[in-house]
Amino acid sequence: METVSKSALKARMLEYFRRVEETGEELIVTDHNRPVLRVVPIRDRVPAAELFADLRNKVVYHADILEPTTEEWPET
């Protein structure tokens, strides 16, 4: 994750934007060394069916999936 000041970004904005596009790495913009903006590339969304297609019919669950649970999860 790269950081850049507002003034440096203003001077070379197109260069920074192209770098974010090409690498996919986010850019943090600072104002007086304080992070104020995050520039991230827009990624295409993949449908869940396509994302987990290779797992279809391979996952086996041996308990009643609809059975209510009363156990509490531990606090972290």
N, C-alpha and C. Protein backbone atom coordinates (compact mmCIF):
# COMPACT_ATOMS: atom_id res chain seq x y z
N MET A 1 0.85 -1.16 0.00
CA MET A 1 0.00 0.00 0.00
C MET A 1 0.90 1.23 0.00
N GLU A 2 0.74 2.04 -1.00
CA GLU A 2 1.55 3.23 -1.16
C GLU A 2 0.82 4.43 -0.58
N THR A 3 1.57 5.37 -0.03
CA THR A 3 0.98 6.62 0.46
C THR A 3 1.59 7.79 -0.31
N VAL A 4 0.76 8.82 -0.46
CA VAL A 4 1.20 10.01 -1.18
C VAL A 4 0.48 11.22 -0.58
N SER A 5 1.16 12.34 -0.53
CA SER A 5 0.54 13.56 -0.02
C SER A 5 -0.40 14.14 -1.08
N LYS A 6 -1.32 14.97 -0.64
CA LYS A 6 -2.25 15.60 -1.58
C LYS A 6 -1.51 16.41 -2.64
N SER A 7 -0.50 17.14 -2.22
CA SER A 7 0.23 17.98 -3.18
C SER A 7 0.98 17.14 -4.21
N ALA A 8 1.59 16.04 -3.78
CA ALA A 8 2.29 15.16 -4.73
C ALA A 8 1.30 14.48 -5.66
N LEU A 9 0.14 14.11 -5.14
CA LEU A 9 -0.89 13.50 -5.98
C LEU A 9 -1.36 14.48 -7.03
N LYS A 10 -1.58 15.72 -6.63
CA LYS A 10 -2.05 16.74 -7.57
C LYS A 10 -1.06 16.93 -8.71
N ALA A 11 0.21 16.90 -8.41
CA ALA A 11 1.24 17.11 -9.43
C ALA A 11 1.34 15.95 -10.42
N ARG A 12 1.07 14.71 -9.96
CA ARG A 12 1.25 13.53 -10.82
C ARG A 12 0.06 12.58 -10.72
N MET A 13 -1.14 13.12 -10.69
CA MET A 13 -2.33 12.32 -10.47
C MET A 13 -2.52 11.21 -11.49
N LEU A 14 -2.39 11.52 -12.77
CA LEU A 14 -2.60 10.52 -13.81
C LEU A 14 -1.63 9.35 -13.65
N GLU A 15 -0.40 9.64 -13.32
CA GLU A 15 0.60 8.58 -13.10
C GLU A 15 0.17 7.67 -11.95
N TYR A 16 -0.27 8.27 -10.84
CA TYR A 16 -0.72 7.47 -9.69
C TYR A 16 -1.96 6.64 -10.04
N PHE A 17 -2.91 7.26 -10.74
CA PHE A 17 -4.13 6.52 -11.12
C PHE A 17 -3.81 5.35 -12.02
N ARG A 18 -2.91 5.55 -12.97
CA ARG A 18 -2.52 4.43 -13.86
C ARG A 18 -1.86 3.31 -13.08
N ARG A 19 -1.05 3.67 -12.09
CA ARG A 19 -0.38 2.66 -11.28
C ARG A 19 -1.40 1.83 -10.49
N VAL A 20 -2.41 2.49 -9.92
CA VAL A 20 -3.46 1.79 -9.19
C VAL A 20 -4.20 0.85 -10.13
N GLU A 21 -4.51 1.32 -11.33
CA GLU A 21 -5.19 0.48 -12.33
C GLU A 21 -4.37 -0.75 -12.70
N GLU A 22 -3.08 -0.54 -12.95
CA GLU A 22 -2.22 -1.63 -13.43
C GLU A 22 -1.89 -2.65 -12.34
N THR A 23 -1.61 -2.18 -11.14
CA THR A 23 -1.17 -3.09 -10.08
C THR A 23 -2.32 -3.60 -9.23
N GLY A 24 -3.41 -2.84 -9.17
CA GLY A 24 -4.52 -3.23 -8.30
C GLY A 24 -4.27 -2.87 -6.85
N GLU A 25 -3.14 -2.25 -6.56
CA GLU A 25 -2.79 -1.88 -5.19
C GLU A 25 -3.44 -0.55 -4.84
N GLU A 26 -3.96 -0.46 -3.62
CA GLU A 26 -4.61 0.78 -3.21
C GLU A 26 -3.59 1.87 -2.91
N LEU A 27 -4.05 3.10 -2.96
CA LEU A 27 -3.22 4.27 -2.71
C LEU A 27 -3.86 5.06 -1.58
N ILE A 28 -3.08 5.41 -0.57
CA ILE A 28 -3.56 6.21 0.55
C ILE A 28 -3.07 7.64 0.35
N VAL A 29 -3.99 8.59 0.40
CA VAL A 29 -3.65 10.00 0.24
C VAL A 29 -3.64 10.64 1.62
N THR A 30 -2.59 11.41 1.88
CA THR A 30 -2.44 12.02 3.20
C THR A 30 -2.53 13.54 3.12
N ASP A 31 -2.93 14.12 4.23
CA ASP A 31 -2.95 15.57 4.39
C ASP A 31 -2.24 15.87 5.70
N HIS A 32 -1.07 16.48 5.62
CA HIS A 32 -0.23 16.72 6.80
C HIS A 32 0.07 15.41 7.54
N ASN A 33 0.45 14.40 6.76
CA ASN A 33 0.81 13.05 7.26
C ASN A 33 -0.34 12.30 7.91
N ARG A 34 -1.57 12.74 7.69
CA ARG A 34 -2.74 12.05 8.23
C ARG A 34 -3.52 11.46 7.05
N PRO A 35 -3.79 10.14 7.05
CA PRO A 35 -4.53 9.54 5.94
C PRO A 35 -5.94 10.13 5.85
N VAL A 36 -6.31 10.55 4.63
CA VAL A 36 -7.63 11.15 4.44
C VAL A 36 -8.43 10.49 3.32
N LEU A 37 -7.77 9.85 2.38
CA LEU A 37 -8.45 9.22 1.26
C LEU A 37 -7.81 7.88 0.93
N ARG A 38 -8.63 6.99 0.39
CA ARG A 38 -8.12 5.71 -0.11
C ARG A 38 -8.59 5.59 -1.56
N VAL A 39 -7.65 5.39 -2.47
CA VAL A 39 -7.96 5.20 -3.88
C VAL A 39 -7.79 3.72 -4.17
N VAL A 40 -8.87 3.06 -4.60
CA VAL A 40 -8.82 1.63 -4.89
C VAL A 40 -9.40 1.38 -6.28
N PRO A 41 -8.89 0.37 -6.97
CA PRO A 41 -9.45 0.06 -8.29
C PRO A 41 -10.81 -0.61 -8.15
N ILE A 42 -11.65 -0.41 -9.14
CA ILE A 42 -12.94 -1.09 -9.17
C ILE A 42 -12.71 -2.47 -9.76
N ARG A 43 -13.13 -3.46 -9.02
CA ARG A 43 -12.95 -4.84 -9.49
C ARG A 43 -14.29 -5.39 -9.95
N ASP A 44 -14.24 -6.22 -10.98
CA ASP A 44 -15.45 -6.87 -11.45
C ASP A 44 -15.93 -7.86 -10.42
N ARG A 45 -17.23 -7.86 -10.18
CA ARG A 45 -17.80 -8.81 -9.23
C ARG A 45 -18.04 -10.13 -9.94
N VAL A 46 -17.71 -11.19 -9.25
CA VAL A 46 -17.90 -12.53 -9.77
C VAL A 46 -19.10 -13.13 -9.05
N PRO A 47 -20.09 -13.65 -9.78
CA PRO A 47 -21.24 -14.26 -9.12
C PRO A 47 -20.80 -15.43 -8.24
N ALA A 48 -21.50 -15.61 -7.11
CA ALA A 48 -21.15 -16.66 -6.16
C ALA A 48 -21.18 -18.04 -6.82
N ALA A 49 -22.14 -18.27 -7.69
CA ALA A 49 -22.24 -19.57 -8.36
C ALA A 49 -20.98 -19.86 -9.18
N GLU A 50 -20.44 -18.83 -9.80
CA GLU A 50 -19.22 -19.01 -10.59
C GLU A 50 -17.99 -19.13 -9.68
N LEU A 51 -17.98 -18.36 -8.62
CA LEU A 51 -16.86 -18.37 -7.70
C LEU A 51 -16.67 -19.73 -7.03
N PHE A 52 -17.78 -20.37 -6.64
CA PHE A 52 -17.72 -21.65 -5.95
C PHE A 52 -18.09 -22.84 -6.84
N ALA A 53 -18.05 -22.67 -8.13
CA ALA A 53 -18.45 -23.72 -9.07
C ALA A 53 -17.65 -25.00 -8.89
N ASP A 54 -16.35 -24.89 -8.61
CA ASP A 54 -15.53 -26.09 -8.48
C ASP A 54 -15.83 -26.86 -7.20
N LEU A 55 -16.55 -26.27 -6.25
CA LEU A 55 -16.92 -26.96 -5.01
C LEU A 55 -18.31 -27.59 -5.05
N ARG A 56 -19.07 -27.27 -6.09
CA ARG A 56 -20.43 -27.79 -6.19
C ARG A 56 -20.43 -29.32 -6.13
N ASN A 57 -21.30 -29.85 -5.27
CA ASN A 57 -21.47 -31.29 -5.04
C ASN A 57 -20.25 -31.96 -4.40
N LYS A 58 -19.37 -31.17 -3.80
CA LYS A 58 -18.20 -31.74 -3.13
C LYS A 58 -18.23 -31.52 -1.63
N VAL A 59 -19.10 -30.65 -1.14
CA VAL A 59 -19.17 -30.36 0.28
C VAL A 59 -20.24 -31.25 0.90
N VAL A 60 -19.87 -31.94 1.99
CA VAL A 60 -20.81 -32.83 2.67
C VAL A 60 -20.97 -32.34 4.10
N TYR A 61 -22.22 -32.16 4.52
CA TYR A 61 -22.51 -31.71 5.88
C TYR A 61 -23.28 -32.84 6.55
N HIS A 62 -22.79 -33.37 7.68
CA HIS A 62 -23.36 -34.57 8.28
C HIS A 62 -24.37 -34.30 9.38
N ALA A 63 -24.71 -33.07 9.65
CA ALA A 63 -25.70 -32.75 10.69
C ALA A 63 -26.88 -32.06 10.03
N ASP A 64 -27.94 -31.87 10.82
CA ASP A 64 -29.11 -31.18 10.32
C ASP A 64 -28.78 -29.69 10.20
N ILE A 65 -28.69 -29.21 9.00
CA ILE A 65 -28.28 -27.83 8.78
C ILE A 65 -29.31 -26.83 9.29
N LEU A 66 -30.55 -27.26 9.44
CA LEU A 66 -31.61 -26.37 9.90
C LEU A 66 -31.82 -26.43 11.41
N GLU A 67 -31.09 -27.29 12.09
CA GLU A 67 -31.22 -27.41 13.55
C GLU A 67 -30.73 -26.13 14.23
N PRO A 68 -31.56 -25.55 15.11
CA PRO A 68 -31.13 -24.32 15.79
C PRO A 68 -29.97 -24.60 16.75
N THR A 69 -29.14 -23.63 16.92
CA THR A 69 -28.04 -23.76 17.86
C THR A 69 -28.26 -22.83 19.03
N THR A 70 -27.83 -23.27 20.19
CA THR A 70 -27.97 -22.44 21.38
C THR A 70 -26.61 -22.05 21.94
N GLU A 71 -25.57 -22.60 21.35
CA GLU A 71 -24.23 -22.28 21.81
C GLU A 71 -23.87 -20.84 21.44
N GLU A 72 -23.19 -20.17 22.35
CA GLU A 72 -22.70 -18.84 22.05
C GLU A 72 -21.26 -18.93 21.61
N TRP A 73 -20.89 -18.08 20.70
CA TRP A 73 -19.51 -18.05 20.25
C TRP A 73 -18.69 -17.29 21.26
N PRO A 74 -17.44 -17.70 21.47
CA PRO A 74 -16.60 -16.98 22.42
C PRO A 74 -16.28 -15.58 21.92
N GLU A 75 -16.16 -14.66 22.86
CA GLU A 75 -15.80 -13.31 22.48
C GLU A 75 -14.32 -13.28 22.10
N THR A 76 -14.00 -12.45 21.14
CA THR A 76 -12.60 -12.35 20.72
C THR A 76 -12.00 -11.06 21.16
